[in-house]
Every structure is written in C-alpha cells, then in structure tokens.
Amino acid sequence: MVVEKKIVERSGILSETYPSVFVVELDQDENNFERVSYSYADVLTDAVEIVFDVEKAIEA
C-alpha cells in the first residue's frame, strides 16, 4: 500500500505558543483561513515541516 503525502504550503507568523500546540497567523493574501494550529508532535513526526524566511525576519 502506497500512501501519498498531501503537501500544502502556507505562509504566516508564529503568534501563540502553548504546552502542546502552536498557532500561526496566516498571510491573508495567500490563504483562506486566518490562523492554523499544529502540535509539536506534528513537527517531530515530520507531518509538518517548518521553514523560516530569514529575509522576512530581518525586515521585521
């Protein structure tokens, strides 16, 4: 059985952190949702990949 991973790219700013989840405020120009939350387990199991845009971070 072959399982294909669905890839969805989203751009936003980390806005809140909690003991088991974090919340990202999404860029309204690119997304239909205002915010999305992920668990730290999602990151550790590679269900979610985080990429930092260093250039945007320097501008802010």
N, C-alpha and C. Protein backbone atom coordinates (compact mmCIF):
# COMPACT_ATOMS: atom_id res chain seq x y z
N MET A 1 0.84 -1.18 0.00
CA MET A 1 0.00 0.00 0.00
C MET A 1 0.89 1.24 0.00
N VAL A 2 0.69 2.10 -0.97
CA VAL A 2 1.46 3.34 -1.07
C VAL A 2 0.58 4.49 -0.61
N VAL A 3 1.10 5.26 0.32
CA VAL A 3 0.36 6.42 0.83
C VAL A 3 1.08 7.68 0.37
N GLU A 4 0.36 8.53 -0.33
CA GLU A 4 0.94 9.78 -0.78
C GLU A 4 0.66 10.86 0.25
N LYS A 5 1.70 11.64 0.53
CA LYS A 5 1.53 12.76 1.46
C LYS A 5 0.97 13.95 0.71
N LYS A 6 0.02 14.61 1.30
CA LYS A 6 -0.53 15.83 0.73
C LYS A 6 0.34 16.99 1.18
N ILE A 7 0.82 17.76 0.23
CA ILE A 7 1.69 18.90 0.54
C ILE A 7 0.90 20.19 0.37
N VAL A 8 0.84 20.97 1.44
CA VAL A 8 0.18 22.27 1.43
C VAL A 8 1.17 23.28 1.99
N GLU A 9 1.46 24.31 1.20
CA GLU A 9 2.38 25.35 1.68
C GLU A 9 1.57 26.53 2.19
N ARG A 10 1.95 26.99 3.37
CA ARG A 10 1.29 28.15 3.96
C ARG A 10 2.35 29.10 4.48
N SER A 11 2.03 30.36 4.45
CA SER A 11 2.96 31.38 4.92
C SER A 11 2.28 32.18 6.02
N GLY A 12 3.01 32.42 7.12
CA GLY A 12 2.43 33.17 8.21
C GLY A 12 3.44 33.48 9.29
N ILE A 13 2.94 33.96 10.41
CA ILE A 13 3.78 34.38 11.53
C ILE A 13 3.35 33.60 12.77
N LEU A 14 4.33 33.06 13.48
CA LEU A 14 4.05 32.37 14.74
C LEU A 14 3.47 33.38 15.71
N SER A 15 2.25 33.13 16.19
CA SER A 15 1.59 34.14 17.03
C SER A 15 1.41 33.71 18.48
N GLU A 16 1.21 32.41 18.72
CA GLU A 16 0.98 31.95 20.08
C GLU A 16 1.62 30.58 20.28
N THR A 17 2.09 30.33 21.49
CA THR A 17 2.62 29.01 21.83
C THR A 17 1.98 28.53 23.12
N TYR A 18 1.69 27.25 23.16
CA TYR A 18 1.10 26.60 24.31
C TYR A 18 1.89 25.32 24.60
N PRO A 19 1.64 24.66 25.71
CA PRO A 19 2.42 23.47 26.05
C PRO A 19 2.40 22.36 24.99
N SER A 20 1.32 22.21 24.25
CA SER A 20 1.28 21.11 23.28
C SER A 20 1.00 21.55 21.84
N VAL A 21 0.69 22.82 21.62
CA VAL A 21 0.42 23.31 20.26
C VAL A 21 0.98 24.71 20.08
N PHE A 22 1.09 25.12 18.80
CA PHE A 22 1.43 26.50 18.49
C PHE A 22 0.50 26.98 17.39
N VAL A 23 0.28 28.29 17.34
CA VAL A 23 -0.67 28.90 16.41
C VAL A 23 0.09 29.81 15.45
N VAL A 24 -0.26 29.71 14.17
CA VAL A 24 0.35 30.53 13.13
C VAL A 24 -0.74 31.40 12.51
N GLU A 25 -0.52 32.72 12.52
CA GLU A 25 -1.41 33.66 11.83
C GLU A 25 -1.00 33.64 10.36
N LEU A 26 -1.93 33.26 9.49
CA LEU A 26 -1.61 33.09 8.08
C LEU A 26 -1.71 34.40 7.32
N ASP A 27 -0.91 34.52 6.26
CA ASP A 27 -0.99 35.67 5.37
C ASP A 27 -2.33 35.63 4.65
N GLN A 28 -3.13 36.67 4.77
CA GLN A 28 -4.47 36.69 4.21
C GLN A 28 -4.46 36.69 2.68
N ASP A 29 -3.41 37.20 2.06
CA ASP A 29 -3.34 37.24 0.60
C ASP A 29 -3.22 35.84 0.01
N GLU A 30 -2.64 34.91 0.76
CA GLU A 30 -2.34 33.59 0.23
C GLU A 30 -3.26 32.49 0.75
N ASN A 31 -4.03 32.72 1.79
CA ASN A 31 -4.77 31.65 2.45
C ASN A 31 -6.23 32.02 2.69
N ASN A 32 -7.07 30.99 2.77
CA ASN A 32 -8.49 31.19 3.06
C ASN A 32 -8.76 31.27 4.55
N PHE A 33 -7.86 30.76 5.36
CA PHE A 33 -8.03 30.73 6.81
C PHE A 33 -7.26 31.87 7.46
N GLU A 34 -7.69 32.29 8.64
CA GLU A 34 -6.98 33.33 9.37
C GLU A 34 -5.82 32.77 10.16
N ARG A 35 -6.03 31.61 10.80
CA ARG A 35 -4.96 31.00 11.58
C ARG A 35 -5.08 29.49 11.53
N VAL A 36 -3.99 28.85 11.88
CA VAL A 36 -3.94 27.40 11.92
C VAL A 36 -3.08 26.99 13.10
N SER A 37 -3.40 25.86 13.70
CA SER A 37 -2.60 25.39 14.84
C SER A 37 -2.02 24.02 14.52
N TYR A 38 -0.85 23.76 15.07
CA TYR A 38 -0.17 22.48 14.90
C TYR A 38 0.34 22.02 16.25
N SER A 39 0.46 20.72 16.41
CA SER A 39 1.06 20.19 17.63
C SER A 39 2.56 20.04 17.42
N TYR A 40 3.30 20.04 18.50
CA TYR A 40 4.74 19.82 18.40
C TYR A 40 5.01 18.41 17.91
N ALA A 41 4.11 17.48 18.20
CA ALA A 41 4.25 16.11 17.69
C ALA A 41 4.20 16.09 16.16
N ASP A 42 3.41 16.98 15.55
CA ASP A 42 3.37 17.08 14.09
C ASP A 42 4.75 17.39 13.53
N VAL A 43 5.47 18.27 14.18
CA VAL A 43 6.81 18.65 13.73
C VAL A 43 7.79 17.50 13.96
N LEU A 44 7.72 16.87 15.12
CA LEU A 44 8.65 15.79 15.46
C LEU A 44 8.46 14.56 14.59
N THR A 45 7.25 14.31 14.11
CA THR A 45 6.99 13.14 13.26
C THR A 45 7.02 13.48 11.78
N ASP A 46 7.46 14.68 11.44
CA ASP A 46 7.57 15.15 10.06
C ASP A 46 6.22 15.26 9.35
N ALA A 47 5.13 15.35 10.10
CA ALA A 47 3.83 15.60 9.49
C ALA A 47 3.74 17.06 9.06
N VAL A 48 4.52 17.92 9.73
CA VAL A 48 4.60 19.35 9.41
C VAL A 48 6.07 19.72 9.32
N GLU A 49 6.41 20.44 8.27
CA GLU A 49 7.79 20.93 8.11
C GLU A 49 7.76 22.45 8.22
N ILE A 50 8.65 22.99 9.02
CA ILE A 50 8.72 24.43 9.22
C ILE A 50 9.97 24.96 8.52
N VAL A 51 9.77 25.99 7.72
CA VAL A 51 10.88 26.65 7.04
C VAL A 51 10.81 28.12 7.41
N PHE A 52 11.92 28.66 7.85
CA PHE A 52 11.97 30.06 8.26
C PHE A 52 12.47 30.92 7.11
N ASP A 53 11.83 32.06 6.89
CA ASP A 53 12.25 33.02 5.88
C ASP A 53 13.11 34.06 6.59
N VAL A 54 14.40 33.89 6.52
CA VAL A 54 15.33 34.75 7.24
C VAL A 54 15.23 36.19 6.75
N GLU A 55 15.04 36.40 5.46
CA GLU A 55 14.95 37.76 4.93
C GLU A 55 13.76 38.50 5.51
N LYS A 56 12.60 37.85 5.63
CA LYS A 56 11.43 38.50 6.22
C LYS A 56 11.66 38.77 7.70
N ALA A 57 12.33 37.87 8.39
CA ALA A 57 12.60 38.04 9.81
C ALA A 57 13.51 39.24 10.05
N ILE A 58 14.48 39.45 9.17
CA ILE A 58 15.40 40.58 9.31
C ILE A 58 14.66 41.89 9.06
N GLU A 59 13.72 41.91 8.11
CA GLU A 59 12.96 43.12 7.80
C GLU A 59 12.06 43.54 8.95
N ALA A 60 11.57 42.59 9.72
CA ALA A 60 10.61 42.88 10.79
C ALA A 60 11.22 43.49 11.98
